[in-house]
Protein backbone atom coordinates (compact mmCIF):
# COMPACT_ATOMS: atom_id res chain seq x y z
CA UNK A 1 -15.12 8.36 8.95
CA UNK A 2 -12.06 9.68 10.70
CA UNK A 3 -9.33 11.88 8.75
CA UNK A 4 -7.61 8.80 7.85
CA UNK A 5 -10.13 6.34 6.87
CA UNK A 6 -9.15 5.65 3.08
CA UNK A 7 -12.15 3.86 2.42
CA UNK A 8 -15.63 2.72 3.93
CA UNK A 9 -18.60 0.75 2.92
CA UNK A 10 -21.95 2.95 3.31
CA UNK A 11 -25.25 0.58 3.47
CA UNK A 12 -27.06 2.53 1.04
CA UNK A 13 -24.67 0.36 -1.33
CA UNK A 14 -21.93 3.13 -1.73
CA UNK A 15 -17.98 3.15 -1.11
CA UNK A 16 -16.72 6.45 -0.01
CA UNK A 17 -13.14 6.75 -1.00
CA UNK A 18 -10.64 10.13 0.38
CA UNK A 19 -9.61 11.27 -2.73
CA UNK A 20 -5.92 11.23 -1.88
CA UNK A 21 -5.26 13.65 -5.08
CA UNK A 22 -6.62 16.63 -3.36
CA UNK A 23 -4.54 16.38 -0.09
CA UNK A 24 -3.01 18.06 1.72
CA UNK A 25 -5.25 21.38 0.87
CA UNK A 26 -8.73 19.78 0.53
CA UNK A 27 -10.35 17.03 1.94
CA UNK A 28 -12.84 15.57 -0.28
CA UNK A 29 -15.02 12.38 -0.50
CA UNK A 30 -15.75 10.14 -3.43
CA UNK A 31 -18.79 7.82 -3.71
CA UNK A 32 -18.59 4.98 -5.81
CA UNK A 33 -21.27 2.52 -6.69
CA UNK A 34 -20.13 0.34 -9.60
CA UNK A 35 -17.04 -1.96 -9.78
CA UNK A 36 -15.96 -0.16 -13.03
CA UNK A 37 -15.98 3.31 -11.15
CA UNK A 38 -13.58 1.76 -8.24
CA UNK A 39 -11.33 0.02 -10.93
CA UNK A 40 -10.52 3.57 -12.54
CA UNK A 41 -10.08 5.46 -8.75
CA UNK A 42 -7.46 2.48 -8.40
CA UNK A 43 -6.07 3.44 -11.92
CA UNK A 44 -6.22 7.11 -11.13
CA UNK A 45 -4.96 6.81 -7.44
CA UNK A 46 -7.58 8.19 -5.70
CA UNK A 47 -6.91 5.46 -3.46
CA UNK A 48 -3.53 3.94 -3.58
CA UNK A 49 -1.36 1.59 -1.16
CA UNK A 50 -1.12 -2.18 -1.51
CA UNK A 51 -3.47 -2.93 1.25
CA UNK A 52 -5.85 -0.15 0.52
CA UNK A 53 -6.19 -1.35 -2.94
CA UNK A 54 -6.73 -4.76 -1.88
CA UNK A 55 -9.75 -3.61 -0.07
CA UNK A 56 -10.95 -1.42 -2.58
CA UNK A 57 -11.09 -4.42 -5.02
CA UNK A 58 -13.20 -6.35 -2.55
CA UNK A 59 -15.73 -3.60 -2.02
CA UNK A 60 -15.76 -3.03 -5.70
CA UNK A 61 -17.13 -6.67 -5.98
CA UNK A 62 -19.64 -6.09 -3.43
CA UNK A 63 -20.79 -3.26 -5.20
CA UNK A 64 -21.57 -5.58 -8.08
CA UNK A 65 -23.66 -7.77 -6.23
CA UNK A 66 -25.53 -5.13 -4.04
CA UNK A 67 -26.58 -3.48 -7.68
CA UNK A 68 -27.27 -6.84 -9.57
CA UNK A 69 -30.09 -6.84 -11.52
CA UNK A 70 -29.40 -10.45 -12.24
CA UNK A 71 -32.34 -13.02 -10.91
CA UNK A 72 -29.94 -16.34 -11.07
CA UNK A 73 -26.79 -17.47 -9.12
CA UNK A 74 -25.10 -18.28 -12.64
CA UNK A 75 -26.18 -15.25 -14.02
CA UNK A 76 -24.75 -13.19 -10.87
CA UNK A 77 -21.36 -15.09 -10.80
CA UNK A 78 -20.91 -14.41 -14.73
CA UNK A 79 -21.33 -10.84 -13.63
CA UNK A 80 -18.75 -11.02 -10.97
CA UNK A 81 -16.41 -12.52 -13.08
CA UNK A 82 -16.25 -9.48 -15.35
CA UNK A 83 -16.04 -7.12 -12.59
CA UNK A 84 -13.18 -9.44 -10.95
CA UNK A 85 -11.36 -9.07 -14.46
CA UNK A 86 -11.86 -5.27 -14.85
CA UNK A 87 -10.73 -4.85 -10.95
CA UNK A 88 -7.20 -7.06 -11.83
CA UNK A 89 -6.53 -4.91 -14.75
CA UNK A 90 -6.69 -1.60 -12.89
CA UNK A 91 -2.71 -1.82 -11.48
CA UNK A 92 -0.46 -4.89 -12.04
CA UNK A 93 2.47 -4.42 -9.14
CA UNK A 94 0.38 -4.70 -6.18
CA UNK A 95 -0.04 -8.39 -5.55
CA UNK A 96 -2.76 -7.39 -2.48
CA UNK A 97 -5.09 -6.61 -5.59
CA UNK A 98 -4.87 -9.77 -6.91
CA UNK A 99 -4.72 -11.65 -2.95
CA UNK A 100 -8.05 -9.52 -2.51
CA UNK A 101 -9.80 -10.91 -5.73
CA UNK A 102 -8.60 -14.53 -5.63
CA UNK A 103 -9.93 -14.44 -1.75
CA UNK A 104 -13.39 -13.10 -3.12
CA UNK A 105 -13.62 -15.57 -5.81
CA UNK A 106 -12.82 -18.42 -3.35
CA UNK A 107 -16.06 -17.41 -1.27
CA UNK A 108 -18.21 -16.54 -4.61
CA UNK A 109 -17.34 -20.05 -5.97
CA UNK A 110 -18.39 -21.81 -2.66
CA UNK A 111 -21.28 -24.28 -3.57
CA UNK A 112 -23.10 -23.79 -0.39
CA UNK A 113 -24.00 -20.07 -1.76
CA UNK A 114 -26.63 -21.50 -3.85
CA UNK A 115 -29.08 -18.62 -4.40
CA UNK A 116 -28.26 -14.45 -5.19
CA UNK A 117 -29.36 -13.49 -1.71
CA UNK A 118 -26.78 -15.73 -0.42
CA UNK A 119 -23.96 -14.82 -2.51
CA UNK A 120 -24.88 -10.62 -1.77
CA UNK A 121 -24.57 -11.43 1.96
CA UNK A 122 -21.29 -13.36 1.49
CA UNK A 123 -19.66 -11.14 -0.78
CA UNK A 124 -19.98 -8.17 1.57
CA UNK A 125 -19.37 -10.01 4.62
CA UNK A 126 -15.81 -11.17 2.94
CA UNK A 127 -14.77 -7.39 1.79
CA UNK A 128 -15.86 -6.62 5.38
CA UNK A 129 -13.27 -9.04 6.98
CA UNK A 130 -10.64 -8.02 4.33
CA UNK A 131 -10.95 -4.39 5.63
CA UNK A 132 -11.17 -4.99 9.39
CA UNK A 133 -8.43 -7.64 9.22
CA UNK A 134 -6.09 -4.73 7.30
CA UNK A 135 -6.24 -2.66 10.55
CA UNK A 136 -5.39 -5.51 12.56
CA UNK A 137 -2.60 -6.68 10.85
CA UNK A 138 -1.25 -3.05 10.88
CA UNK A 139 -1.51 -2.51 14.15
CA UNK A 140 0.64 -6.17 15.03
CA UNK A 141 3.37 -4.94 12.27
CA UNK A 142 3.93 -1.70 14.62
CA UNK A 143 4.00 -3.57 17.62
CA UNK A 144 6.56 -6.31 16.45
CA UNK A 145 8.55 -3.45 15.39
CA UNK A 146 9.27 -1.75 18.48
CA UNK A 147 12.09 -4.01 19.55
CA UNK A 148 14.13 -2.25 16.39
CA UNK A 149 13.74 1.31 17.26
CA UNK A 150 15.60 2.73 19.76
CA UNK A 151 14.01 5.02 22.60
CA UNK A 152 15.51 8.07 20.42
CA UNK A 153 15.29 7.55 16.59
CA UNK A 154 15.79 9.31 13.53
CA UNK A 155 13.86 7.27 11.00
CA UNK A 156 13.74 8.11 6.99
CA UNK A 157 10.41 6.79 5.27
CA UNK A 158 9.96 6.65 1.90
CA UNK A 159 6.26 7.36 0.09
CA UNK A 160 3.22 7.23 2.05
CA UNK A 161 2.69 3.96 4.18
CA UNK A 162 0.36 5.24 6.83
CA UNK A 163 -3.87 5.16 7.32
CA UNK A 164 -4.01 6.66 3.80
CA UNK A 165 -2.26 3.67 2.17
CA UNK A 166 -3.77 1.44 3.76
CA UNK A 167 -8.16 1.13 5.23
CA UNK A 168 -6.63 2.45 8.50
CA UNK A 169 -3.20 2.58 10.83
CA UNK A 170 -0.40 2.09 8.21
CA UNK A 171 2.33 -0.14 7.68
CA UNK A 172 5.90 1.57 7.54
CA UNK A 173 4.17 4.78 8.87
CA UNK A 174 2.26 2.82 11.25
CA UNK A 175 5.87 1.71 12.49
CA UNK A 176 6.63 5.38 13.28
CA UNK A 177 3.19 5.94 14.68
CA UNK A 178 3.43 2.93 16.99
CA UNK A 179 6.95 4.04 18.57
CA UNK A 180 5.44 7.68 19.08
CA UNK A 181 2.43 6.29 20.66
CA UNK A 182 4.49 4.08 23.23
CA UNK A 183 6.47 6.92 24.39
CA UNK A 184 9.76 6.73 22.06
CA UNK A 185 11.19 9.78 21.04
CA UNK A 186 11.35 9.64 17.24
CA UNK A 187 11.90 11.77 14.65
CA UNK A 188 10.86 11.04 10.59
CA UNK A 189 12.45 12.18 7.95
CA UNK A 190 10.18 11.95 5.01
CA UNK A 191 11.29 11.80 1.41
CA UNK A 192 8.94 13.94 -0.54
CA UNK A 193 8.82 10.91 -3.29
CA UNK A 194 8.80 12.23 -6.86
CA UNK A 195 6.86 12.48 -9.04
CA UNK A 196 3.57 12.06 -6.94
CA UNK A 197 4.87 13.59 -3.91
CA UNK A 198 3.00 11.03 -1.56
CA UNK A 199 5.67 11.81 1.42
CA UNK A 200 5.68 15.49 0.92
CA UNK A 201 1.73 15.67 0.78
CA UNK A 202 0.39 12.54 2.55
CA UNK A 203 2.91 11.14 5.09
CA UNK A 204 3.49 14.77 6.00
CA UNK A 205 -0.13 15.39 6.28
CA UNK A 206 -0.48 12.17 8.73
CA UNK A 207 2.28 12.72 10.97
CA UNK A 208 1.53 16.55 11.25
CA UNK A 209 -2.25 15.50 12.31
CA UNK A 210 -0.68 12.70 14.81
CA UNK A 211 2.22 14.93 16.41
CA UNK A 212 4.94 12.85 15.27
CA UNK A 213 7.97 15.39 14.68
CA UNK A 214 9.41 15.35 11.04
CA UNK A 215 10.96 17.01 8.30
CA UNK A 216 10.36 16.70 4.95
CA UNK A 217 13.38 16.16 2.68
CA UNK A 218 14.14 15.58 -1.05
CA UNK A 219 14.64 12.15 -2.14
CA UNK A 220 18.26 12.92 -3.14
CA UNK A 221 19.13 14.04 0.21
CA UNK A 222 18.78 10.55 2.08
CA UNK A 223 22.55 10.20 1.88
CA UNK A 224 23.32 13.82 3.24
CA UNK A 225 21.28 13.44 6.26
CA UNK A 226 22.47 9.91 6.81
CA UNK A 227 26.16 11.40 6.68
CA UNK A 228 25.71 14.41 8.76
CA UNK A 229 23.03 13.94 10.97
CA UNK A 230 23.15 10.12 11.63
CA UNK A 231 20.18 8.39 10.82
CA UNK A 232 19.48 5.13 13.01
CA UNK A 233 17.13 3.02 10.32
CA UNK A 234 15.04 3.37 7.30
CA UNK A 235 11.53 1.78 7.24
CA UNK A 236 9.57 1.34 4.15
CA UNK A 237 6.43 -0.45 2.87
CA UNK A 238 6.34 -3.01 -0.15
CA UNK A 239 3.64 -3.25 -2.94
CA UNK A 240 4.80 -7.21 -3.64
CA UNK A 241 7.78 -9.54 -1.97
CA UNK A 242 9.30 -12.20 -3.87
CA UNK A 243 10.18 -15.60 -2.32
CA UNK A 244 13.98 -14.70 -2.24
CA UNK A 245 13.22 -11.31 -0.57
CA UNK A 246 13.06 -8.82 -3.26
CA UNK A 247 10.59 -5.89 -2.68
CA UNK A 248 9.10 -3.93 -5.27
CA UNK A 249 8.27 -0.54 -3.73
CA UNK A 250 7.77 3.17 -4.71
CA UNK A 251 10.34 4.29 -7.15
CA UNK A 252 13.12 5.65 -5.08
CA UNK A 253 13.29 2.86 -2.99
CA UNK A 254 16.13 1.06 -4.31
CA UNK A 255 18.44 4.32 -4.07
CA UNK A 256 17.53 4.57 -0.41
CA UNK A 257 18.33 0.77 0.28
CA UNK A 258 21.90 1.30 -1.46
CA UNK A 259 22.71 4.61 0.39
CA UNK A 260 21.58 3.24 3.68
CA UNK A 261 23.52 0.04 3.01
CA UNK A 262 26.99 2.30 2.61
CA UNK A 263 26.13 4.25 5.63
CA UNK A 264 25.36 1.09 7.80
CA UNK A 265 22.15 2.40 8.27
CA UNK A 266 19.48 -0.73 8.94
CA UNK A 267 16.75 -1.03 6.19
CA UNK A 268 13.50 -2.42 7.04
CA UNK A 269 10.66 -3.38 4.89
CA UNK A 270 7.39 -3.33 6.73
CA UNK A 271 5.01 -5.91 4.82
CA UNK A 272 1.62 -7.78 5.71
CA UNK A 273 2.09 -11.26 4.60
CA UNK A 274 -0.59 -10.51 2.03
CA UNK A 275 2.04 -8.90 0.14
CA UNK A 276 4.21 -11.92 0.09
CA UNK A 277 4.40 -13.73 -3.16
CA UNK A 278 5.93 -17.21 -2.92
CA UNK A 279 4.98 -18.04 -6.69
CA UNK A 280 7.23 -14.92 -7.75
CA UNK A 281 10.85 -16.41 -7.38
CA UNK A 282 12.68 -13.06 -7.67
CA UNK A 283 12.46 -9.37 -8.32
CA UNK A 284 12.76 -9.42 -12.04
CA UNK A 285 9.78 -11.78 -12.28
CA UNK A 286 7.58 -8.49 -10.87
CA UNK A 287 5.97 -6.35 -13.88
CA UNK A 288 6.52 -2.63 -13.10
CA UNK A 289 3.74 -0.46 -13.92
CA UNK A 290 4.50 2.60 -16.06
CA UNK A 291 2.52 5.76 -15.19
CA UNK A 292 1.60 8.77 -17.54
CA UNK A 293 4.76 11.10 -18.94
CA UNK A 294 2.40 14.12 -17.24
CA UNK A 295 3.46 13.07 -13.94
CA UNK A 296 6.95 13.90 -14.41
CA UNK A 297 6.56 16.93 -16.70
CA UNK A 298 3.57 18.20 -14.81
CA UNK A 299 3.56 19.52 -11.15
CA UNK A 300 -0.25 19.89 -10.95
CA UNK A 301 -1.46 21.49 -13.57
CA UNK A 302 2.11 23.41 -14.14
CA UNK A 303 4.10 22.16 -16.82
CA UNK A 304 8.00 22.08 -15.87
CA UNK A 305 9.65 20.23 -19.11
CA UNK A 306 9.85 21.62 -22.57
CA UNK A 307 7.30 20.42 -25.09
CA UNK A 308 8.05 16.96 -26.90
CA UNK A 309 10.34 15.15 -24.68
CA UNK A 310 10.72 11.60 -23.94
CA UNK A 311 10.04 10.58 -20.21
CA UNK A 312 10.51 7.16 -18.37
CA UNK A 313 8.15 7.26 -15.50
CA UNK A 314 7.70 3.61 -13.76
CA UNK A 315 6.07 3.75 -10.66
CA UNK A 316 8.16 1.19 -8.82
CA UNK A 317 11.59 -0.32 -8.43
CA UNK A 318 13.15 -3.37 -6.99
CA UNK A 319 15.27 -3.40 -4.00
CA UNK A 320 17.38 -6.60 -3.84
CA UNK A 321 17.28 -8.66 -0.71
CA UNK A 322 20.72 -8.09 -0.07
CA UNK A 323 20.45 -4.39 0.95
CA UNK A 324 17.50 -5.58 3.54
CA UNK A 325 17.92 -5.86 7.07
CA UNK A 326 14.84 -7.34 8.18
CA UNK A 327 11.14 -7.96 6.84
CA UNK A 328 8.65 -6.89 9.59
CA UNK A 329 5.17 -8.86 9.23
CA UNK A 330 2.14 -9.23 11.28
CA UNK A 331 3.29 -12.77 12.33
CA UNK A 332 6.81 -11.48 13.24
CA UNK A 333 10.15 -10.33 12.26
CA UNK A 334 12.07 -12.20 9.51
CA UNK A 335 15.88 -12.21 8.68
CA UNK A 336 18.21 -13.37 5.83
CA UNK A 337 18.62 -15.69 4.24
CA UNK A 338 15.00 -14.72 3.21
CA UNK A 339 14.38 -18.13 0.96
CA UNK A 340 14.57 -19.87 4.13
CA UNK A 341 12.78 -17.45 6.56
CA UNK A 342 9.82 -16.24 4.34
CA UNK A 343 9.37 -19.78 3.38
CA UNK A 344 8.90 -20.82 6.84
CA UNK A 345 6.66 -17.86 7.83
CA UNK A 346 4.21 -18.76 5.12
CA UNK A 347 3.93 -22.10 6.07
């Protein structure tokens, strides 16, 4: 497992995840042998990032078949239904989670899989396919973004969308990585991304290892740097894209998009087509996860607020399509009007 492989299947029927709560100071891998453990790991953000969550769900389902005691196909399918329900409840916003579960469900219900052994083999093969495809999709997103990035560019990035948020390579951070690997002179400004500091902890960890020049800034400093330093573009990831082009992403993305618009800075969203949800008409239909108050009141183990205060901690916000310059996918770059371009892309 390389330093940025967020999740991996071991032949002994173990799913190994890099515990992202411990980075950057500790590199710890956790082993899981059941779907309930995987669901808890997703909920606790041991693994996070929409593509990585999708792969984790697929492997969680594969763990069920690997360790099952069921002797009949019908009994195993019933056990898998329970596993998929538990995994589906782990985090509500990332559409990749439900996409992966739906894809696994379609494979499981194939009538040609008429034995326990056939189900076991097919489920693991499908989970491997989801993970492998994610890496290739991310690399294609990076290639498709190259024409949007000047040879010398200052880029603002929010949250973490690199190899740690995917199976490997990354979406929006992968765009920056690809440009760097292709010889472009890129400099990244990384929002620290409160409250869990995915930018300051994880994106900085990745870019430091990859040799990409960067500077960590507080979330509220983006406007200052756009106005005084000059920024060529913003690029972020997303957990869900609605049919009209609204995107749900880590809290603070909406603020960044509005400031970019005010400063005439292009604002790009890197999105695998698996995050495009044509059944969701607009962003107001997207369920926003509310995280525990302790993420606001504490930094690690240190409490920074008075006792007994009220806390609002949405994990995501919705950026309206009007602030988005383009959406970069593995199938190409789409531009407004997104109702038309996304529908055409998904056809």
